[in-house]
Amino acid sequence: MTRVEAHRSVLGRLHRLLSAFDHEHTHHSLSDLSRRTGLPLTTTHRMVGELLSLGMLDRTDEDQLCIGVDLWNFGLLAPKTHGLQRVALPFMQDLYSTTGFPIHLGIPDAQQITTVESLRPHGPGHERPRIGQRDPYHVVAVGVALLAFQPAAAQQRYLSWLEDRGGTGPDDPATVRAALAQTRAAGFSVNNNRTFPRVGIGAPILDHTGLPVAAISIVVPEGTTNTPYGLLVRSTARSIQRTALEQRIDVHPGPGSGRTHPSEGD
């Protein structure tokens, strides 16, 4: 094994270990991590000890391992979220104060969308989505708004993936294609795949070239007239877009953002 291969191997094991944590598995024992990653217990023990000393992992009073504050701080510096999130948050807060409905901000994350900010009331029915949650484009309003304004080739790759999977119902490529066309025409998306019976309404935030770098959405109650909220969300997205451009926030999606082929695990 060359030095480069050994280096990649170490980084690969580190990625596997940290990827064992998600929203459904926020705490692990040492043996849990070993099982979930497939790493030997001795290797897991050594890596966990180093990560604890670096503050990238933490240990609870119950002796469970969790993501550390230092790792969280690193995540906040991600350029695709930091500047845009700072610009978007005041506008999202205004929209939330005006409507009282959940407001979400999502960005394209290579193969999916990731929720990076969320304002929502407490109580049942408002648990989705969570910050850091990833979803295929077509199942959430933010994702449909993003995909609808991607280049035609990127959309076609995504639709071909759905076709290869034999998608039916809301996963049917023809249904998704029609939703994309409606979104482009209206300037906002309407989607209830993950919010039923409530309805998600999303609008894209574009960069200086017209490519979508993010989208915001509002989740309204069943039976609510969609168009007024669609226009409101679209107006809010454009305000965020204009402010980001005025402040020269680097919101270009960057290499790989057009790869709209979801992973097979979705």
C-alpha atoms as a PDB file:
ATOM      1  CA  MET A   1       0.000   0.000   0.000  1.00  0.00           C
ATOM      2  CA  THR A   2       1.407   3.421  -0.979  1.00  0.00           C
ATOM      3  CA  ARG A   3       1.459   6.373   1.410  1.00  0.00           C
ATOM      4  CA  VAL A   4      -1.437   7.988  -0.487  1.00  0.00           C
ATOM      5  CA  GLU A   5      -3.489   4.773  -0.320  1.00  0.00           C
ATOM      6  CA  ALA A   6      -2.793   4.453   3.404  1.00  0.00           C
ATOM      7  CA  HIS A   7      -3.846   8.073   3.932  1.00  0.00           C
ATOM      8  CA  ARG A   8      -7.101   7.522   2.058  1.00  0.00           C
ATOM      9  CA  SER A   9      -7.717   4.382   4.046  1.00  0.00           C
ATOM     10  CA  VAL A  10      -7.444   6.283   7.323  1.00  0.00           C
ATOM     11  CA  LEU A  11      -9.782   8.999   6.060  1.00  0.00           C
ATOM     12  CA  GLY A  12     -12.182   6.344   4.833  1.00  0.00           C
ATOM     13  CA  ARG A  13     -12.337   4.715   8.256  1.00  0.00           C
ATOM     14  CA  LEU A  14     -12.844   8.123   9.866  1.00  0.00           C
ATOM     15  CA  HIS A  15     -15.698   8.885   7.484  1.00  0.00           C
ATOM     16  CA  ARG A  16     -17.320   5.515   8.191  1.00  0.00           C
ATOM     17  CA  LEU A  17     -17.101   6.104  11.912  1.00  0.00           C
ATOM     18  CA  LEU A  18     -18.587   9.609  11.850  1.00  0.00           C
ATOM     19  CA  SER A  19     -21.262   8.525   9.336  1.00  0.00           C
ATOM     20  CA  ALA A  20     -22.558   6.037  11.911  1.00  0.00           C
ATOM     21  CA  PHE A  21     -24.195   9.031  13.625  1.00  0.00           C
ATOM     22  CA  ASP A  22     -27.437  10.337  12.161  1.00  0.00           C
ATOM     23  CA  HIS A  23     -30.774  11.695  13.349  1.00  0.00           C
ATOM     24  CA  GLU A  24     -32.022   8.243  14.284  1.00  0.00           C
ATOM     25  CA  HIS A  25     -28.720   7.212  15.911  1.00  0.00           C
ATOM     26  CA  THR A  26     -27.295  10.181  17.793  1.00  0.00           C
ATOM     27  CA  HIS A  27     -25.649   8.144  20.573  1.00  0.00           C
ATOM     28  CA  HIS A  28     -23.609   4.954  20.404  1.00  0.00           C
ATOM     29  CA  SER A  29     -21.600   2.701  22.648  1.00  0.00           C
ATOM     30  CA  LEU A  30     -18.134   1.706  21.510  1.00  0.00           C
ATOM     31  CA  SER A  31     -19.370  -1.749  20.509  1.00  0.00           C
ATOM     32  CA  ASP A  32     -22.303  -0.163  18.605  1.00  0.00           C
ATOM     33  CA  LEU A  33     -19.866   1.885  16.543  1.00  0.00           C
ATOM     34  CA  SER A  34     -17.760  -1.156  15.817  1.00  0.00           C
ATOM     35  CA  ARG A  35     -20.801  -3.099  14.591  1.00  0.00           C
ATOM     36  CA  ARG A  36     -22.279  -0.260  12.524  1.00  0.00           C
ATOM     37  CA  THR A  37     -18.988   0.588  10.814  1.00  0.00           C
ATOM     38  CA  GLY A  38     -17.635  -2.923  10.436  1.00  0.00           C
ATOM     39  CA  LEU A  39     -14.364  -1.764  11.985  1.00  0.00           C
ATOM     40  CA  PRO A  40     -12.514  -3.976  14.471  1.00  0.00           C
ATOM     41  CA  LEU A  41     -13.198  -3.073  18.080  1.00  0.00           C
ATOM     42  CA  THR A  42      -9.522  -2.267  18.690  1.00  0.00           C
ATOM     43  CA  THR A  43      -9.456   0.109  15.696  1.00  0.00           C
ATOM     44  CA  THR A  44     -12.700   1.739  16.813  1.00  0.00           C
ATOM     45  CA  HIS A  45     -11.370   2.141  20.348  1.00  0.00           C
ATOM     46  CA  ARG A  46      -8.199   3.821  19.108  1.00  0.00           C
ATOM     47  CA  MET A  47      -9.994   6.187  16.732  1.00  0.00           C
ATOM     48  CA  VAL A  48     -12.649   7.108  19.289  1.00  0.00           C
ATOM     49  CA  GLY A  49      -9.938   7.940  21.830  1.00  0.00           C
ATOM     50  CA  GLU A  50      -8.282  10.323  19.366  1.00  0.00           C
ATOM     51  CA  LEU A  51     -11.583  11.930  18.376  1.00  0.00           C
ATOM     52  CA  LEU A  52     -12.515  12.436  22.032  1.00  0.00           C
ATOM     53  CA  SER A  53      -9.194  14.141  22.729  1.00  0.00           C
ATOM     54  CA  LEU A  54      -9.746  16.435  19.719  1.00  0.00           C
ATOM     55  CA  GLY A  55     -13.290  17.366  20.777  1.00  0.00           C
ATOM     56  CA  MET A  56     -14.792  15.853  17.640  1.00  0.00           C
ATOM     57  CA  LEU A  57     -16.654  13.284  19.726  1.00  0.00           C
ATOM     58  CA  ASP A  58     -18.043  13.660  23.224  1.00  0.00           C
ATOM     59  CA  ARG A  59     -19.145  11.246  25.929  1.00  0.00           C
ATOM     60  CA  THR A  60     -22.420  11.528  27.855  1.00  0.00           C
ATOM     61  CA  ASP A  61     -22.988  10.836  31.543  1.00  0.00           C
ATOM     62  CA  GLU A  62     -24.367   7.453  30.485  1.00  0.00           C
ATOM     63  CA  ASP A  63     -21.029   6.673  28.778  1.00  0.00           C
ATOM     64  CA  GLN A  64     -22.544   7.000  25.318  1.00  0.00           C
ATOM     65  CA  LEU A  65     -20.612   8.576  22.451  1.00  0.00           C
ATOM     66  CA  CYS A  66     -22.013  11.508  20.471  1.00  0.00           C
ATOM     67  CA  ILE A  67     -20.837  14.168  18.022  1.00  0.00           C
ATOM     68  CA  GLY A  68     -18.645  16.766  19.733  1.00  0.00           C
ATOM     69  CA  VAL A  69     -18.970  20.545  19.714  1.00  0.00           C
ATOM     70  CA  ASP A  70     -15.745  21.033  17.744  1.00  0.00           C
ATOM     71  CA  LEU A  71     -17.073  18.961  14.852  1.00  0.00           C
ATOM     72  CA  TRP A  72     -20.322  20.928  14.939  1.00  0.00           C
ATOM     73  CA  ASN A  73     -18.329  24.180  14.748  1.00  0.00           C
ATOM     74  CA  PHE A  74     -16.518  22.916  11.663  1.00  0.00           C
ATOM     75  CA  GLY A  75     -19.840  22.166  10.004  1.00  0.00           C
ATOM     76  CA  LEU A  76     -21.023  25.724  10.551  1.00  0.00           C
ATOM     77  CA  LEU A  77     -18.177  26.962   8.366  1.00  0.00           C
ATOM     78  CA  ALA A  78     -19.319  25.090   5.259  1.00  0.00           C
ATOM     79  CA  PRO A  79     -19.324  27.830   2.586  1.00  0.00           C
ATOM     80  CA  LYS A  80     -22.469  26.487   0.910  1.00  0.00           C
ATOM     81  CA  THR A  81     -24.450  27.149   4.091  1.00  0.00           C
ATOM     82  CA  HIS A  82     -22.706  29.752   6.234  1.00  0.00           C
ATOM     83  CA  GLY A  83     -23.123  32.957   4.224  1.00  0.00           C
ATOM     84  CA  LEU A  84     -26.440  32.104   2.624  1.00  0.00           C
ATOM     85  CA  GLN A  85     -27.945  30.906   5.892  1.00  0.00           C
ATOM     86  CA  ARG A  86     -26.936  34.172   7.588  1.00  0.00           C
ATOM     87  CA  VAL A  87     -28.589  36.186   4.820  1.00  0.00           C
ATOM     88  CA  ALA A  88     -31.727  34.026   4.671  1.00  0.00           C
ATOM     89  CA  LEU A  89     -32.498  33.751   8.373  1.00  0.00           C
ATOM     90  CA  PRO A  90     -33.932  37.288   8.926  1.00  0.00           C
ATOM     91  CA  PHE A  91     -36.232  36.863   5.918  1.00  0.00           C
ATOM     92  CA  MET A  92     -37.276  33.426   7.152  1.00  0.00           C
ATOM     93  CA  GLN A  93     -38.007  34.871  10.595  1.00  0.00           C
ATOM     94  CA  ASP A  94     -40.176  37.582   9.036  1.00  0.00           C
ATOM     95  CA  LEU A  95     -42.093  34.979   7.049  1.00  0.00           C
ATOM     96  CA  TYR A  96     -42.544  32.811  10.113  1.00  0.00           C
ATOM     97  CA  SER A  97     -43.720  35.781  12.216  1.00  0.00           C
ATOM     98  CA  THR A  98     -46.213  36.752   9.520  1.00  0.00           C
ATOM     99  CA  THR A  99     -47.701  33.297   8.950  1.00  0.00           C
ATOM    100  CA  GLY A 100     -46.923  31.180  12.025  1.00  0.00           C
ATOM    101  CA  PHE A 101     -46.275  28.225   9.701  1.00  0.00           C
ATOM    102  CA  PRO A 102     -43.083  26.140   9.476  1.00  0.00           C
ATOM    103  CA  ILE A 103     -40.353  27.635   7.266  1.00  0.00           C
ATOM    104  CA  HIS A 104     -37.409  25.635   5.906  1.00  0.00           C
ATOM    105  CA  LEU A 105     -34.218  26.358   3.977  1.00  0.00           C
ATOM    106  CA  GLY A 106     -32.572  23.644   1.869  1.00  0.00           C
ATOM    107  CA  ILE A 107     -29.517  23.440  -0.350  1.00  0.00           C
ATOM    108  CA  PRO A 108     -28.500  21.001  -3.097  1.00  0.00           C
ATOM    109  CA  ASP A 109     -26.122  18.445  -1.646  1.00  0.00           C
ATOM    110  CA  ALA A 110     -24.673  16.639  -4.656  1.00  0.00           C
ATOM    111  CA  GLN A 111     -27.275  13.892  -5.004  1.00  0.00           C
ATOM    112  CA  GLN A 112     -30.034  15.200  -2.700  1.00  0.00           C
ATOM    113  CA  ILE A 113     -31.166  18.271  -0.790  1.00  0.00           C
ATOM    114  CA  THR A 114     -30.118  19.016   2.774  1.00  0.00           C
ATOM    115  CA  THR A 115     -32.173  21.104   5.210  1.00  0.00           C
ATOM    116  CA  VAL A 116     -29.851  23.702   6.756  1.00  0.00           C
ATOM    117  CA  GLU A 117     -32.336  25.898   8.635  1.00  0.00           C
ATOM    118  CA  SER A 118     -35.803  25.324  10.035  1.00  0.00           C
ATOM    119  CA  LEU A 119     -38.273  27.492  11.939  1.00  0.00           C
ATOM    120  CA  ARG A 120     -41.386  25.737  13.188  1.00  0.00           C
ATOM    121  CA  PRO A 121     -43.890  25.724  16.041  1.00  0.00           C
ATOM    122  CA  HIS A 122     -43.584  23.184  18.812  1.00  0.00           C
ATOM    123  CA  GLY A 123     -46.078  20.368  19.008  1.00  0.00           C
ATOM    124  CA  PRO A 124     -47.236  17.333  17.025  1.00  0.00           C
ATOM    125  CA  GLY A 125     -47.104  17.484  13.267  1.00  0.00           C
ATOM    126  CA  HIS A 126     -44.136  19.840  13.092  1.00  0.00           C
ATOM    127  CA  GLU A 127     -41.306  17.372  13.530  1.00  0.00           C
ATOM    128  CA  ARG A 128     -40.135  17.373   9.888  1.00  0.00           C
ATOM    129  CA  PRO A 129     -37.709  18.144   8.486  1.00  0.00           C
ATOM    130  CA  ARG A 130     -34.752  18.321  10.841  1.00  0.00           C
ATOM    131  CA  ILE A 131     -31.631  20.384  10.250  1.00  0.00           C
ATOM    132  CA  GLY A 132     -29.131  18.206   8.440  1.00  0.00           C
ATOM    133  CA  GLN A 133     -31.835  15.933   7.040  1.00  0.00           C
ATOM    134  CA  ARG A 134     -31.373  14.784   3.450  1.00  0.00           C
ATOM    135  CA  ASP A 135     -34.179  13.971   1.029  1.00  0.00           C
ATOM    136  CA  PRO A 136     -34.486  13.093  -2.664  1.00  0.00           C
ATOM    137  CA  TYR A 137     -35.444  16.160  -4.661  1.00  0.00           C
ATOM    138  CA  HIS A 138     -38.947  15.145  -5.667  1.00  0.00           C
ATOM    139  CA  VAL A 139     -40.347  14.294  -2.240  1.00  0.00           C
ATOM    140  CA  VAL A 140     -40.161  17.758  -0.637  1.00  0.00           C
ATOM    141  CA  ALA A 141     -41.189  21.224  -1.824  1.00  0.00           C
ATOM    142  CA  VAL A 142     -37.678  22.628  -1.378  1.00  0.00           C
ATOM    143  CA  GLY A 143     -36.268  19.863  -3.567  1.00  0.00           C
ATOM    144  CA  VAL A 144     -38.832  20.282  -6.340  1.00  0.00           C
ATOM    145  CA  ALA A 145     -38.152  24.042  -6.391  1.00  0.00           C
ATOM    146  CA  LEU A 146     -34.418  23.349  -6.705  1.00  0.00           C
ATOM    147  CA  LEU A 147     -34.724  20.640  -9.359  1.00  0.00           C
ATOM    148  CA  ALA A 148     -37.189  22.630 -11.470  1.00  0.00           C
ATOM    149  CA  PHE A 149     -34.584  25.316 -12.104  1.00  0.00           C
ATOM    150  CA  GLN A 150     -31.648  23.001 -12.678  1.00  0.00           C
ATOM    151  CA  PRO A 151     -30.384  22.619 -16.276  1.00  0.00           C
ATOM    152  CA  ALA A 152     -32.486  20.295 -18.435  1.00  0.00           C
ATOM    153  CA  ALA A 153     -29.721  17.682 -18.544  1.00  0.00           C
ATOM    154  CA  ALA A 154     -29.588  17.469 -14.746  1.00  0.00           C
ATOM    155  CA  GLN A 155     -33.364  17.082 -14.568  1.00  0.00           C
ATOM    156  CA  GLN A 156     -33.287  14.337 -17.170  1.00  0.00           C
ATOM    157  CA  ARG A 157     -30.640  12.396 -15.219  1.00  0.00           C
ATOM    158  CA  TYR A 158     -32.862  12.528 -12.168  1.00  0.00           C
ATOM    159  CA  LEU A 159     -35.960  11.464 -14.089  1.00  0.00           C
ATOM    160  CA  SER A 160     -34.001   8.615 -15.673  1.00  0.00           C
ATOM    161  CA  TRP A 161     -33.002   7.435 -12.202  1.00  0.00           C
ATOM    162  CA  LEU A 162     -36.664   7.371 -11.163  1.00  0.00           C
ATOM    163  CA  GLU A 163     -37.527   5.473 -14.328  1.00  0.00           C
ATOM    164  CA  ASP A 164     -34.786   2.915 -13.650  1.00  0.00           C
ATOM    165  CA  ARG A 165     -36.272   2.374 -10.210  1.00  0.00           C
ATOM    166  CA  GLY A 166     -39.718   1.807 -11.689  1.00  0.00           C
ATOM    167  CA  GLY A 167     -41.212   4.686  -9.716  1.00  0.00           C
ATOM    168  CA  THR A 168     -44.992   4.850  -9.422  1.00  0.00           C
ATOM    169  CA  GLY A 169     -47.447   7.304  -7.877  1.00  0.00           C
ATOM    170  CA  PRO A 170     -45.548  10.371  -6.618  1.00  0.00           C
ATOM    171  CA  ASP A 171     -42.306   8.663  -7.752  1.00  0.00           C
ATOM    172  CA  ASP A 172     -43.521   8.265 -11.332  1.00  0.00           C
ATOM    173  CA  PRO A 173     -41.206  10.193 -13.684  1.00  0.00           C
ATOM    174  CA  ALA A 174     -44.148  11.617 -15.632  1.00  0.00           C
ATOM    175  CA  THR A 175     -45.705  12.931 -12.417  1.00  0.00           C
ATOM    176  CA  VAL A 176     -42.418  14.515 -11.348  1.00  0.00           C
ATOM    177  CA  ARG A 177     -41.837  15.983 -14.822  1.00  0.00           C
ATOM    178  CA  ALA A 178     -45.271  17.626 -14.709  1.00  0.00           C
ATOM    179  CA  ALA A 179     -44.553  19.017 -11.219  1.00  0.00           C
ATOM    180  CA  LEU A 180     -41.278  20.501 -12.474  1.00  0.00           C
ATOM    181  CA  ALA A 181     -43.033  22.180 -15.400  1.00  0.00           C
ATOM    182  CA  GLN A 182     -45.716  23.622 -13.104  1.00  0.00           C
ATOM    183  CA  THR A 183     -43.046  24.886 -10.740  1.00  0.00           C
ATOM    184  CA  ARG A 184     -41.129  26.652 -13.504  1.00  0.00           C
ATOM    185  CA  ALA A 185     -44.321  28.264 -14.778  1.00  0.00           C
ATOM    186  CA  ALA A 186     -45.496  29.463 -11.357  1.00  0.00           C
ATOM    187  CA  GLY A 187     -42.119  30.191  -9.796  1.00  0.00           C
ATOM    188  CA  PHE A 188     -42.956  28.017  -6.792  1.00  0.00           C
ATOM    189  CA  SER A 189     -43.521  24.327  -6.069  1.00  0.00           C
ATOM    190  CA  VAL A 190     -46.419  22.593  -4.339  1.00  0.00           C
ATOM    191  CA  ASN A 191     -45.742  19.211  -2.758  1.00  0.00           C
ATOM    192  CA  ASN A 192     -47.252  17.088   0.017  1.00  0.00           C
ATOM    193  CA  ASN A 193     -45.305  13.823  -0.341  1.00  0.00           C
ATOM    194  CA  ARG A 194     -43.711  14.180   3.092  1.00  0.00           C
ATOM    195  CA  THR A 195     -46.091  16.637   4.756  1.00  0.00           C
ATOM    196  CA  PHE A 196     -49.538  15.127   4.004  1.00  0.00           C
ATOM    197  CA  PRO A 197     -52.155  16.292   4.781  1.00  0.00           C
ATOM    198  CA  ARG A 198     -50.300  19.595   5.074  1.00  0.00           C
ATOM    199  CA  VAL A 199     -48.817  21.118   1.913  1.00  0.00           C
ATOM    200  CA  GLY A 200     -45.264  22.313   1.325  1.00  0.00           C
ATOM    201  CA  ILE A 201     -44.744  25.309  -0.964  1.00  0.00           C
ATOM    202  CA  GLY A 202     -41.188  26.117  -2.046  1.00  0.00           C
ATOM    203  CA  ALA A 203     -39.321  28.699  -4.126  1.00  0.00           C
ATOM    204  CA  PRO A 204     -35.733  28.720  -5.412  1.00  0.00           C
ATOM    205  CA  ILE A 205     -32.912  31.112  -4.575  1.00  0.00           C
ATOM    206  CA  LEU A 206     -30.776  31.644  -7.688  1.00  0.00           C
ATOM    207  CA  ASP A 207     -27.174  32.708  -8.170  1.00  0.00           C
ATOM    208  CA  HIS A 208     -25.981  35.349 -10.651  1.00  0.00           C
ATOM    209  CA  THR A 209     -26.059  32.803 -13.478  1.00  0.00           C
ATOM    210  CA  GLY A 210     -29.641  31.757 -12.774  1.00  0.00           C
ATOM    211  CA  LEU A 211     -28.775  28.398 -11.209  1.00  0.00           C
ATOM    212  CA  PRO A 212     -30.541  27.417  -7.962  1.00  0.00           C
ATOM    213  CA  VAL A 213     -28.279  27.437  -4.909  1.00  0.00           C
ATOM    214  CA  ALA A 214     -30.993  26.985  -2.278  1.00  0.00           C
ATOM    215  CA  ALA A 215     -34.746  27.087  -1.770  1.00  0.00           C
ATOM    216  CA  ILE A 216     -37.111  28.009   1.026  1.00  0.00           C
ATOM    217  CA  SER A 217     -40.483  26.500   1.793  1.00  0.00           C
ATOM    218  CA  ILE A 218     -43.508  27.019   3.956  1.00  0.00           C
ATOM    219  CA  VAL A 219     -45.792  24.216   5.164  1.00  0.00           C
ATOM    220  CA  VAL A 220     -49.445  25.259   5.212  1.00  0.00           C
ATOM    221  CA  PRO A 221     -52.513  23.442   6.618  1.00  0.00           C
ATOM    222  CA  GLU A 222     -54.686  21.191   4.496  1.00  0.00           C
ATOM    223  CA  GLY A 223     -57.287  23.148   2.544  1.00  0.00           C
ATOM    224  CA  THR A 224     -55.263  26.377   2.502  1.00  0.00           C
ATOM    225  CA  THR A 225     -55.252  28.290  -0.773  1.00  0.00           C
ATOM    226  CA  ASN A 226     -51.784  27.699  -2.164  1.00  0.00           C
ATOM    227  CA  THR A 227     -51.301  30.618  -4.545  1.00  0.00           C
ATOM    228  CA  PRO A 228     -51.094  33.507  -2.023  1.00  0.00           C
ATOM    229  CA  TYR A 229     -48.504  31.575   0.007  1.00  0.00           C
ATOM    230  CA  GLY A 230     -46.674  30.602  -3.158  1.00  0.00           C
ATOM    231  CA  LEU A 231     -46.353  34.252  -4.147  1.00  0.00           C
ATOM    232  CA  LEU A 232     -45.254  35.125  -0.618  1.00  0.00           C
ATOM    233  CA  VAL A 233     -42.577  32.423  -0.569  1.00  0.00           C
ATOM    234  CA  ARG A 234     -41.424  33.379  -4.060  1.00  0.00           C
ATOM    235  CA  SER A 235     -41.114  37.013  -3.010  1.00  0.00           C
ATOM    236  CA  THR A 236     -39.152  36.019   0.112  1.00  0.00           C
ATOM    237  CA  ALA A 237     -36.793  33.833  -1.935  1.00  0.00           C
ATOM    238  CA  ARG A 238     -36.140  36.698  -4.337  1.00  0.00           C
ATOM    239  CA  SER A 239     -35.401  39.051  -1.433  1.00  0.00           C
ATOM    240  CA  ILE A 240     -32.846  36.574  -0.085  1.00  0.00           C
ATOM    241  CA  GLN A 241     -31.389  36.183  -3.567  1.00  0.00           C
ATOM    242  CA  ARG A 242     -31.095  39.936  -4.103  1.00  0.00           C
ATOM    243  CA  THR A 243     -29.483  40.509  -0.690  1.00  0.00           C
ATOM    244  CA  ALA A 244     -26.992  37.676  -1.178  1.00  0.00           C
ATOM    245  CA  LEU A 245     -25.938  39.104  -4.533  1.00  0.00           C
ATOM    246  CA  GLU A 246     -25.674  42.641  -3.127  1.00  0.00           C
ATOM    247  CA  GLN A 247     -23.471  41.385  -0.297  1.00  0.00           C
ATOM    248  CA  ARG A 248     -21.412  39.325  -2.761  1.00  0.00           C
ATOM    249  CA  ILE A 249     -22.111  36.148  -0.806  1.00  0.00           C
ATOM    250  CA  ASP A 250     -20.472  33.231  -2.577  1.00  0.00           C
ATOM    251  CA  VAL A 251     -23.560  31.127  -3.173  1.00  0.00           C
ATOM    252  CA  HIS A 252     -22.527  29.423  -6.402  1.00  0.00           C
ATOM    253  CA  PRO A 253     -23.459  25.736  -6.109  1.00  0.00           C
ATOM    254  CA  GLY A 254     -19.927  24.714  -7.069  1.00  0.00           C
ATOM    255  CA  PRO A 255     -18.627  21.490  -8.634  1.00  0.00           C
ATOM    256  CA  GLY A 256     -20.926  18.500  -8.433  1.00  0.00           C
ATOM    257  CA  SER A 257     -24.111  20.357  -7.531  1.00  0.00           C
ATOM    258  CA  GLY A 258     -25.623  19.339 -10.843  1.00  0.00           C
ATOM    259  CA  ARG A 259     -25.251  15.647  -9.990  1.00  0.00           C
ATOM    260  CA  THR A 260     -28.896  14.992  -9.336  1.00  0.00           C
ATOM    261  CA  HIS A 261     -28.655  11.204  -9.344  1.00  0.00           C
ATOM    262  CA  PRO A 262     -29.668  10.074  -5.841  1.00  0.00           C
ATOM    263  CA  SER A 263     -27.732   7.383  -4.082  1.00  0.00           C
ATOM    264  CA  GLU A 264     -29.098   3.888  -4.203  1.00  0.00           C
ATOM    265  CA  GLY A 265     -29.753   3.970  -0.491  1.00  0.00           C
ATOM    266  CA  ASP A 266     -32.553   6.541  -0.801  1.00  0.00           C
END
